[in-house]
């Protein structure tokens, strides 16, 4: 492969992972966290 294509892929992967790290707008925080048996 061409180095330019590889760099392009790296940039796409980095941008995609940065988008996945951000919290989605429709994300709801859990109301309650309880301690189960394990």
ModelCIF file with pLDDT and N, C-alpha, C, O atoms, coordinates in Angstrom:
data_MODEL
#
_entry.id   MODEL 
#
_entity.id                         1 
_entity.type                       polymer 
_entity.pdbx_number_of_molecules   1 
#
_entity_poly.entity_id                      1 
_entity_poly.type                           'polypeptide(L)' 
_entity_poly.nstd_linkage                   no 
_entity_poly.nstd_monomer                   no 
_entity_poly.pdbx_seq_one_letter_code       
;(UNK)(UNK)(UNK)(UNK)(UNK)(UNK)(UNK)(UNK)(UNK)(UNK)(UNK)(UNK)(UNK)(UNK)(UNK)(UNK)
(UNK)(UNK)(UNK)(UNK)(UNK)(UNK)(UNK)(UNK)(UNK)(UNK)(UNK)(UNK)(UNK)(UNK)(UNK)(UNK)
(UNK)(UNK)(UNK)(UNK)(UNK)(UNK)
;
_entity_poly.pdbx_seq_one_letter_code_can   XXXXXXXXXXXXXXXXXXXXXXXXXXXXXXXXXXXXXX 
_entity_poly.pdbx_strand_id                 A 
#
loop_
_entity_poly_seq.entity_id 
_entity_poly_seq.num 
_entity_poly_seq.mon_id 
_entity_poly_seq.hetero 
1 1  UNK n 
1 2  UNK n 
1 3  UNK n 
1 4  UNK n 
1 5  UNK n 
1 6  UNK n 
1 7  UNK n 
1 8  UNK n 
1 9  UNK n 
1 10 UNK n 
1 11 UNK n 
1 12 UNK n 
1 13 UNK n 
1 14 UNK n 
1 15 UNK n 
1 16 UNK n 
1 17 UNK n 
1 18 UNK n 
1 19 UNK n 
1 20 UNK n 
1 21 UNK n 
1 22 UNK n 
1 23 UNK n 
1 24 UNK n 
1 25 UNK n 
1 26 UNK n 
1 27 UNK n 
1 28 UNK n 
1 29 UNK n 
1 30 UNK n 
1 31 UNK n 
1 32 UNK n 
1 33 UNK n 
1 34 UNK n 
1 35 UNK n 
1 36 UNK n 
1 37 UNK n 
1 38 UNK n 
#
_struct_asym.id          A 
_struct_asym.entity_id   1 
#
loop_
_ma_qa_metric.id 
_ma_qa_metric.mode 
_ma_qa_metric.name 
_ma_qa_metric.software_group_id 
_ma_qa_metric.type 
1 global pLDDT . pLDDT 
2 local  pLDDT . pLDDT 
#
_ma_qa_metric_global.metric_id      1 
_ma_qa_metric_global.metric_value   72.66 
_ma_qa_metric_global.model_id       1 
_ma_qa_metric_global.ordinal_id     1 
#
loop_
_ma_qa_metric_local.label_asym_id 
_ma_qa_metric_local.label_comp_id 
_ma_qa_metric_local.label_seq_id 
_ma_qa_metric_local.metric_id 
_ma_qa_metric_local.metric_value 
_ma_qa_metric_local.model_id 
_ma_qa_metric_local.ordinal_id 
A UNK 1  2 93.00 1 1  
A UNK 2  2 93.00 1 2  
A UNK 3  2 93.00 1 3  
A UNK 4  2 92.00 1 4  
A UNK 5  2 93.00 1 5  
A UNK 6  2 93.00 1 6  
A UNK 7  2 91.00 1 7  
A UNK 8  2 92.00 1 8  
A UNK 9  2 93.00 1 9  
A UNK 10 2 90.00 1 10 
A UNK 11 2 89.00 1 11 
A UNK 12 2 90.00 1 12 
A UNK 13 2 89.00 1 13 
A UNK 14 2 87.00 1 14 
A UNK 15 2 85.00 1 15 
A UNK 16 2 84.00 1 16 
A UNK 17 2 75.00 1 17 
A UNK 18 2 74.00 1 18 
A UNK 19 2 73.00 1 19 
A UNK 20 2 69.00 1 20 
A UNK 21 2 64.00 1 21 
A UNK 22 2 62.00 1 22 
A UNK 23 2 53.00 1 23 
A UNK 24 2 58.00 1 24 
A UNK 25 2 62.00 1 25 
A UNK 26 2 61.00 1 26 
A UNK 27 2 57.00 1 27 
A UNK 28 2 62.00 1 28 
A UNK 29 2 55.00 1 29 
A UNK 30 2 55.00 1 30 
A UNK 31 2 57.00 1 31 
A UNK 32 2 56.00 1 32 
A UNK 33 2 55.00 1 33 
A UNK 34 2 54.00 1 34 
A UNK 35 2 53.00 1 35 
A UNK 36 2 54.00 1 36 
A UNK 37 2 51.00 1 37 
A UNK 38 2 54.00 1 38 
#
loop_
_atom_site.group_PDB 
_atom_site.id 
_atom_site.type_symbol 
_atom_site.label_atom_id 
_atom_site.label_alt_id 
_atom_site.label_comp_id 
_atom_site.label_asym_id 
_atom_site.label_entity_id 
_atom_site.label_seq_id 
_atom_site.pdbx_PDB_ins_code 
_atom_site.Cartn_x 
_atom_site.Cartn_y 
_atom_site.Cartn_z 
_atom_site.occupancy 
_atom_site.B_iso_or_equiv 
_atom_site.pdbx_formal_charge 
_atom_site.auth_seq_id 
_atom_site.auth_comp_id 
_atom_site.auth_asym_id 
_atom_site.auth_atom_id 
_atom_site.pdbx_PDB_model_num 
ATOM 1   N N  . UNK A 1 1  ? 0.854   -1.187  0.000  1.00 93.00 ? 1  UNK A N  1 
ATOM 2   C CA . UNK A 1 1  ? 0.000   0.000   0.000  1.00 93.00 ? 1  UNK A CA 1 
ATOM 3   C C  . UNK A 1 1  ? 0.887   1.234   0.000  1.00 93.00 ? 1  UNK A C  1 
ATOM 4   O O  . UNK A 1 1  ? 2.063   1.172   0.361  1.00 93.00 ? 1  UNK A O  1 
ATOM 5   N N  . UNK A 1 2  ? 0.315   2.338   -0.404 1.00 93.00 ? 2  UNK A N  1 
ATOM 6   C CA . UNK A 1 2  ? 1.037   3.600   -0.407 1.00 93.00 ? 2  UNK A CA 1 
ATOM 7   C C  . UNK A 1 2  ? 1.050   4.158   1.018  1.00 93.00 ? 2  UNK A C  1 
ATOM 8   O O  . UNK A 1 2  ? 0.075   4.024   1.759  1.00 93.00 ? 2  UNK A O  1 
ATOM 9   N N  . UNK A 1 3  ? 2.153   4.775   1.382  1.00 93.00 ? 3  UNK A N  1 
ATOM 10  C CA . UNK A 1 3  ? 2.256   5.347   2.723  1.00 93.00 ? 3  UNK A CA 1 
ATOM 11  C C  . UNK A 1 3  ? 1.155   6.387   2.939  1.00 93.00 ? 3  UNK A C  1 
ATOM 12  O O  . UNK A 1 3  ? 0.613   6.487   4.040  1.00 93.00 ? 3  UNK A O  1 
ATOM 13  N N  . UNK A 1 4  ? 0.821   7.152   1.919  1.00 92.00 ? 4  UNK A N  1 
ATOM 14  C CA . UNK A 1 4  ? -0.229  8.172   2.037  1.00 92.00 ? 4  UNK A CA 1 
ATOM 15  C C  . UNK A 1 4  ? -1.571  7.529   2.389  1.00 92.00 ? 4  UNK A C  1 
ATOM 16  O O  . UNK A 1 4  ? -2.321  8.068   3.202  1.00 92.00 ? 4  UNK A O  1 
ATOM 17  N N  . UNK A 1 5  ? -1.880  6.364   1.773  1.00 93.00 ? 5  UNK A N  1 
ATOM 18  C CA . UNK A 1 5  ? -3.125  5.662   2.085  1.00 93.00 ? 5  UNK A CA 1 
ATOM 19  C C  . UNK A 1 5  ? -3.110  5.135   3.517  1.00 93.00 ? 5  UNK A C  1 
ATOM 20  O O  . UNK A 1 5  ? -4.135  5.151   4.199  1.00 93.00 ? 5  UNK A O  1 
ATOM 21  N N  . UNK A 1 6  ? -1.957  4.673   3.966  1.00 93.00 ? 6  UNK A N  1 
ATOM 22  C CA . UNK A 1 6  ? -1.829  4.184   5.336  1.00 93.00 ? 6  UNK A CA 1 
ATOM 23  C C  . UNK A 1 6  ? -2.031  5.333   6.326  1.00 93.00 ? 6  UNK A C  1 
ATOM 24  O O  . UNK A 1 6  ? -2.714  5.169   7.336  1.00 93.00 ? 6  UNK A O  1 
ATOM 25  N N  . UNK A 1 7  ? -1.442  6.486   6.040  1.00 91.00 ? 7  UNK A N  1 
ATOM 26  C CA . UNK A 1 7  ? -1.610  7.653   6.918  1.00 91.00 ? 7  UNK A CA 1 
ATOM 27  C C  . UNK A 1 7  ? -3.070  8.082   6.946  1.00 91.00 ? 7  UNK A C  1 
ATOM 28  O O  . UNK A 1 7  ? -3.601  8.441   7.997  1.00 91.00 ? 7  UNK A O  1 
ATOM 29  N N  . UNK A 1 8  ? -3.716  8.042   5.781  1.00 92.00 ? 8  UNK A N  1 
ATOM 30  C CA . UNK A 1 8  ? -5.145  8.386   5.708  1.00 92.00 ? 8  UNK A CA 1 
ATOM 31  C C  . UNK A 1 8  ? -5.964  7.447   6.584  1.00 92.00 ? 8  UNK A C  1 
ATOM 32  O O  . UNK A 1 8  ? -6.857  7.891   7.306  1.00 92.00 ? 8  UNK A O  1 
ATOM 33  N N  . UNK A 1 9  ? -5.664  6.146   6.524  1.00 93.00 ? 9  UNK A N  1 
ATOM 34  C CA . UNK A 1 9  ? -6.363  5.167   7.356  1.00 93.00 ? 9  UNK A CA 1 
ATOM 35  C C  . UNK A 1 9  ? -6.114  5.445   8.841  1.00 93.00 ? 9  UNK A C  1 
ATOM 36  O O  . UNK A 1 9  ? -7.043  5.380   9.647  1.00 93.00 ? 9  UNK A O  1 
ATOM 37  N N  . UNK A 1 10 ? -4.869  5.755   9.206  1.00 90.00 ? 10 UNK A N  1 
ATOM 38  C CA . UNK A 1 10 ? -4.559  6.074   10.604 1.00 90.00 ? 10 UNK A CA 1 
ATOM 39  C C  . UNK A 1 10 ? -5.368  7.276   11.088 1.00 90.00 ? 10 UNK A C  1 
ATOM 40  O O  . UNK A 1 10 ? -5.906  7.265   12.196 1.00 90.00 ? 10 UNK A O  1 
ATOM 41  N N  . UNK A 1 11 ? -5.450  8.306   10.254 1.00 89.00 ? 11 UNK A N  1 
ATOM 42  C CA . UNK A 1 11 ? -6.224  9.494   10.622 1.00 89.00 ? 11 UNK A CA 1 
ATOM 43  C C  . UNK A 1 11 ? -7.699  9.158   10.805 1.00 89.00 ? 11 UNK A C  1 
ATOM 44  O O  . UNK A 1 11 ? -8.331  9.622   11.754 1.00 89.00 ? 11 UNK A O  1 
ATOM 45  N N  . UNK A 1 12 ? -8.255  8.340   9.888  1.00 90.00 ? 12 UNK A N  1 
ATOM 46  C CA . UNK A 1 12 ? -9.662  7.928   10.018 1.00 90.00 ? 12 UNK A CA 1 
ATOM 47  C C  . UNK A 1 12 ? -9.884  7.159   11.307 1.00 90.00 ? 12 UNK A C  1 
ATOM 48  O O  . UNK A 1 12 ? -10.865 7.399   12.011 1.00 90.00 ? 12 UNK A O  1 
ATOM 49  N N  . UNK A 1 13 ? -8.982  6.234   11.627 1.00 89.00 ? 13 UNK A N  1 
ATOM 50  C CA . UNK A 1 13 ? -9.103  5.444   12.849 1.00 89.00 ? 13 UNK A CA 1 
ATOM 51  C C  . UNK A 1 13 ? -9.022  6.337   14.085 1.00 89.00 ? 13 UNK A C  1 
ATOM 52  O O  . UNK A 1 13 ? -9.791  6.163   15.030 1.00 89.00 ? 13 UNK A O  1 
ATOM 53  N N  . UNK A 1 14 ? -8.103  7.279   14.079 1.00 87.00 ? 14 UNK A N  1 
ATOM 54  C CA . UNK A 1 14 ? -7.961  8.180   15.227 1.00 87.00 ? 14 UNK A CA 1 
ATOM 55  C C  . UNK A 1 14 ? -9.211  9.028   15.391 1.00 87.00 ? 14 UNK A C  1 
ATOM 56  O O  . UNK A 1 14 ? -9.704  9.187   16.508 1.00 87.00 ? 14 UNK A O  1 
ATOM 57  N N  . UNK A 1 15 ? -9.736  9.578   14.293 1.00 85.00 ? 15 UNK A N  1 
ATOM 58  C CA . UNK A 1 15 ? -10.948 10.401  14.369 1.00 85.00 ? 15 UNK A CA 1 
ATOM 59  C C  . UNK A 1 15 ? -12.140 9.584   14.830 1.00 85.00 ? 15 UNK A C  1 
ATOM 60  O O  . UNK A 1 15 ? -12.961 10.064  15.611 1.00 85.00 ? 15 UNK A O  1 
ATOM 61  N N  . UNK A 1 16 ? -12.241 8.345   14.348 1.00 84.00 ? 16 UNK A N  1 
ATOM 62  C CA . UNK A 1 16 ? -13.349 7.481   14.739 1.00 84.00 ? 16 UNK A CA 1 
ATOM 63  C C  . UNK A 1 16 ? -13.265 7.148   16.225 1.00 84.00 ? 16 UNK A C  1 
ATOM 64  O O  . UNK A 1 16 ? -14.281 7.167   16.918 1.00 84.00 ? 16 UNK A O  1 
ATOM 65  N N  . UNK A 1 17 ? -12.070 6.844   16.721 1.00 75.00 ? 17 UNK A N  1 
ATOM 66  C CA . UNK A 1 17 ? -11.942 6.501   18.134 1.00 75.00 ? 17 UNK A CA 1 
ATOM 67  C C  . UNK A 1 17 ? -12.220 7.707   19.023 1.00 75.00 ? 17 UNK A C  1 
ATOM 68  O O  . UNK A 1 17 ? -12.753 7.553   20.122 1.00 75.00 ? 17 UNK A O  1 
ATOM 69  N N  . UNK A 1 18 ? -11.864 8.917   18.559 1.00 74.00 ? 18 UNK A N  1 
ATOM 70  C CA . UNK A 1 18 ? -12.163 10.123  19.330 1.00 74.00 ? 18 UNK A CA 1 
ATOM 71  C C  . UNK A 1 18 ? -13.663 10.369  19.385 1.00 74.00 ? 18 UNK A C  1 
ATOM 72  O O  . UNK A 1 18 ? -14.174 10.824  20.409 1.00 74.00 ? 18 UNK A O  1 
ATOM 73  N N  . UNK A 1 19 ? -14.381 10.075  18.301 1.00 73.00 ? 19 UNK A N  1 
ATOM 74  C CA . UNK A 1 19 ? -15.828 10.241  18.291 1.00 73.00 ? 19 UNK A CA 1 
ATOM 75  C C  . UNK A 1 19 ? -16.497 9.226   19.211 1.00 73.00 ? 19 UNK A C  1 
ATOM 76  O O  . UNK A 1 19 ? -17.481 9.544   19.879 1.00 73.00 ? 19 UNK A O  1 
ATOM 77  N N  . UNK A 1 20 ? -15.965 8.004   19.246 1.00 69.00 ? 20 UNK A N  1 
ATOM 78  C CA . UNK A 1 20 ? -16.540 6.979   20.104 1.00 69.00 ? 20 UNK A CA 1 
ATOM 79  C C  . UNK A 1 20 ? -16.322 7.281   21.578 1.00 69.00 ? 20 UNK A C  1 
ATOM 80  O O  . UNK A 1 20 ? -17.130 6.892   22.421 1.00 69.00 ? 20 UNK A O  1 
ATOM 81  N N  . UNK A 1 21 ? -15.229 7.977   21.891 1.00 64.00 ? 21 UNK A N  1 
ATOM 82  C CA . UNK A 1 21 ? -14.946 8.315   23.282 1.00 64.00 ? 21 UNK A CA 1 
ATOM 83  C C  . UNK A 1 21 ? -15.893 9.377   23.821 1.00 64.00 ? 21 UNK A C  1 
ATOM 84  O O  . UNK A 1 21 ? -16.158 9.413   25.023 1.00 64.00 ? 21 UNK A O  1 
ATOM 85  N N  . UNK A 1 22 ? -16.404 10.233  22.959 1.00 62.00 ? 22 UNK A N  1 
ATOM 86  C CA . UNK A 1 22 ? -17.309 11.279  23.431 1.00 62.00 ? 22 UNK A CA 1 
ATOM 87  C C  . UNK A 1 22 ? -18.653 10.665  23.796 1.00 62.00 ? 22 UNK A C  1 
ATOM 88  O O  . UNK A 1 22 ? -19.084 9.687   23.184 1.00 62.00 ? 22 UNK A O  1 
ATOM 89  N N  . UNK A 1 23 ? -19.308 11.239  24.789 1.00 53.00 ? 23 UNK A N  1 
ATOM 90  C CA . UNK A 1 23 ? -20.586 10.719  25.260 1.00 53.00 ? 23 UNK A CA 1 
ATOM 91  C C  . UNK A 1 23 ? -21.675 11.075  24.262 1.00 53.00 ? 23 UNK A C  1 
ATOM 92  O O  . UNK A 1 23 ? -21.799 12.235  23.869 1.00 53.00 ? 23 UNK A O  1 
ATOM 93  N N  . UNK A 1 24 ? -22.478 10.079  23.842 1.00 58.00 ? 24 UNK A N  1 
ATOM 94  C CA . UNK A 1 24 ? -23.564 10.381  22.909 1.00 58.00 ? 24 UNK A CA 1 
ATOM 95  C C  . UNK A 1 24 ? -24.618 11.265  23.584 1.00 58.00 ? 24 UNK A C  1 
ATOM 96  O O  . UNK A 1 24 ? -24.779 11.233  24.804 1.00 58.00 ? 24 UNK A O  1 
ATOM 97  N N  . UNK A 1 25 ? -25.331 12.052  22.773 1.00 62.00 ? 25 UNK A N  1 
ATOM 98  C CA . UNK A 1 25 ? -26.332 12.975  23.310 1.00 62.00 ? 25 UNK A CA 1 
ATOM 99  C C  . UNK A 1 25 ? -27.491 12.242  23.969 1.00 62.00 ? 25 UNK A C  1 
ATOM 100 O O  . UNK A 1 25 ? -28.061 12.751  24.934 1.00 62.00 ? 25 UNK A O  1 
ATOM 101 N N  . UNK A 1 26 ? -27.857 11.067  23.479 1.00 61.00 ? 26 UNK A N  1 
ATOM 102 C CA . UNK A 1 26 ? -29.009 10.359  24.014 1.00 61.00 ? 26 UNK A CA 1 
ATOM 103 C C  . UNK A 1 26 ? -28.639 9.397   25.145 1.00 61.00 ? 26 UNK A C  1 
ATOM 104 O O  . UNK A 1 26 ? -29.449 8.552   25.525 1.00 61.00 ? 26 UNK A O  1 
ATOM 105 N N  . UNK A 1 27 ? -27.445 9.515   25.675 1.00 57.00 ? 27 UNK A N  1 
ATOM 106 C CA . UNK A 1 27 ? -27.009 8.645   26.764 1.00 57.00 ? 27 UNK A CA 1 
ATOM 107 C C  . UNK A 1 27 ? -27.678 9.074   28.052 1.00 57.00 ? 27 UNK A C  1 
ATOM 108 O O  . UNK A 1 27 ? -27.676 10.256  28.396 1.00 57.00 ? 27 UNK A O  1 
ATOM 109 N N  . UNK A 1 28 ? -28.258 8.107   28.774 1.00 62.00 ? 28 UNK A N  1 
ATOM 110 C CA . UNK A 1 28 ? -28.898 8.400   30.053 1.00 62.00 ? 28 UNK A CA 1 
ATOM 111 C C  . UNK A 1 28 ? -28.072 7.789   31.169 1.00 62.00 ? 28 UNK A C  1 
ATOM 112 O O  . UNK A 1 28 ? -27.654 6.634   31.087 1.00 62.00 ? 28 UNK A O  1 
ATOM 113 N N  . UNK A 1 29 ? -27.842 8.563   32.201 1.00 55.00 ? 29 UNK A N  1 
ATOM 114 C CA . UNK A 1 29 ? -27.110 8.069   33.361 1.00 55.00 ? 29 UNK A CA 1 
ATOM 115 C C  . UNK A 1 29 ? -27.995 7.074   34.104 1.00 55.00 ? 29 UNK A C  1 
ATOM 116 O O  . UNK A 1 29 ? -29.211 7.263   34.160 1.00 55.00 ? 29 UNK A O  1 
ATOM 117 N N  . UNK A 1 30 ? -27.413 6.012   34.679 1.00 55.00 ? 30 UNK A N  1 
ATOM 118 C CA . UNK A 1 30 ? -28.224 5.079   35.462 1.00 55.00 ? 30 UNK A CA 1 
ATOM 119 C C  . UNK A 1 30 ? -28.803 5.780   36.692 1.00 55.00 ? 30 UNK A C  1 
ATOM 120 O O  . UNK A 1 30 ? -28.157 6.627   37.309 1.00 55.00 ? 30 UNK A O  1 
ATOM 121 N N  . UNK A 1 31 ? -30.014 5.411   37.022 1.00 57.00 ? 31 UNK A N  1 
ATOM 122 C CA . UNK A 1 31 ? -30.695 6.045   38.146 1.00 57.00 ? 31 UNK A CA 1 
ATOM 123 C C  . UNK A 1 31 ? -30.087 5.602   39.475 1.00 57.00 ? 31 UNK A C  1 
ATOM 124 O O  . UNK A 1 31 ? -29.902 6.409   40.386 1.00 57.00 ? 31 UNK A O  1 
ATOM 125 N N  . UNK A 1 32 ? -29.785 4.324   39.570 1.00 56.00 ? 32 UNK A N  1 
ATOM 126 C CA . UNK A 1 32 ? -29.335 3.806   40.850 1.00 56.00 ? 32 UNK A CA 1 
ATOM 127 C C  . UNK A 1 32 ? -28.352 2.665   40.620 1.00 56.00 ? 32 UNK A C  1 
ATOM 128 O O  . UNK A 1 32 ? -28.527 1.861   39.705 1.00 56.00 ? 32 UNK A O  1 
ATOM 129 N N  . UNK A 1 33 ? -27.341 2.602   41.437 1.00 55.00 ? 33 UNK A N  1 
ATOM 130 C CA . UNK A 1 33 ? -26.394 1.499   41.381 1.00 55.00 ? 33 UNK A CA 1 
ATOM 131 C C  . UNK A 1 33 ? -26.487 0.772   42.711 1.00 55.00 ? 33 UNK A C  1 
ATOM 132 O O  . UNK A 1 33 ? -26.266 1.368   43.765 1.00 55.00 ? 33 UNK A O  1 
ATOM 133 N N  . UNK A 1 34 ? -26.819 -0.533  42.665 1.00 54.00 ? 34 UNK A N  1 
ATOM 134 C CA . UNK A 1 34 ? -26.945 -1.315  43.905 1.00 54.00 ? 34 UNK A CA 1 
ATOM 135 C C  . UNK A 1 34 ? -25.885 -2.392  43.922 1.00 54.00 ? 34 UNK A C  1 
ATOM 136 O O  . UNK A 1 34 ? -25.418 -2.840  42.875 1.00 54.00 ? 34 UNK A O  1 
ATOM 137 N N  . UNK A 1 35 ? -25.515 -2.797  45.096 1.00 53.00 ? 35 UNK A N  1 
ATOM 138 C CA . UNK A 1 35 ? -24.502 -3.830  45.260 1.00 53.00 ? 35 UNK A CA 1 
ATOM 139 C C  . UNK A 1 35 ? -25.201 -5.187  45.294 1.00 53.00 ? 35 UNK A C  1 
ATOM 140 O O  . UNK A 1 35 ? -26.012 -5.464  46.178 1.00 53.00 ? 35 UNK A O  1 
ATOM 141 N N  . UNK A 1 36 ? -24.868 -6.030  44.307 1.00 54.00 ? 36 UNK A N  1 
ATOM 142 C CA . UNK A 1 36 ? -25.438 -7.367  44.250 1.00 54.00 ? 36 UNK A CA 1 
ATOM 143 C C  . UNK A 1 36 ? -24.592 -8.338  45.046 1.00 54.00 ? 36 UNK A C  1 
ATOM 144 O O  . UNK A 1 36 ? -23.688 -7.935  45.777 1.00 54.00 ? 36 UNK A O  1 
ATOM 145 N N  . UNK A 1 37 ? -24.888 -9.612  44.901 1.00 51.00 ? 37 UNK A N  1 
ATOM 146 C CA . UNK A 1 37 ? -24.167 -10.636 45.650 1.00 51.00 ? 37 UNK A CA 1 
ATOM 147 C C  . UNK A 1 37 ? -22.692 -10.657 45.288 1.00 51.00 ? 37 UNK A C  1 
ATOM 148 O O  . UNK A 1 37 ? -21.838 -10.732 46.170 1.00 51.00 ? 37 UNK A O  1 
ATOM 149 N N  . UNK A 1 38 ? -22.383 -10.589 43.990 1.00 54.00 ? 38 UNK A N  1 
ATOM 150 C CA . UNK A 1 38 ? -20.979 -10.684 43.569 1.00 54.00 ? 38 UNK A CA 1 
ATOM 151 C C  . UNK A 1 38 ? -20.489 -9.485  42.774 1.00 54.00 ? 38 UNK A C  1 
ATOM 152 O O  . UNK A 1 38 ? -19.328 -9.448  42.365 1.00 54.00 ? 38 UNK A O  1 
#
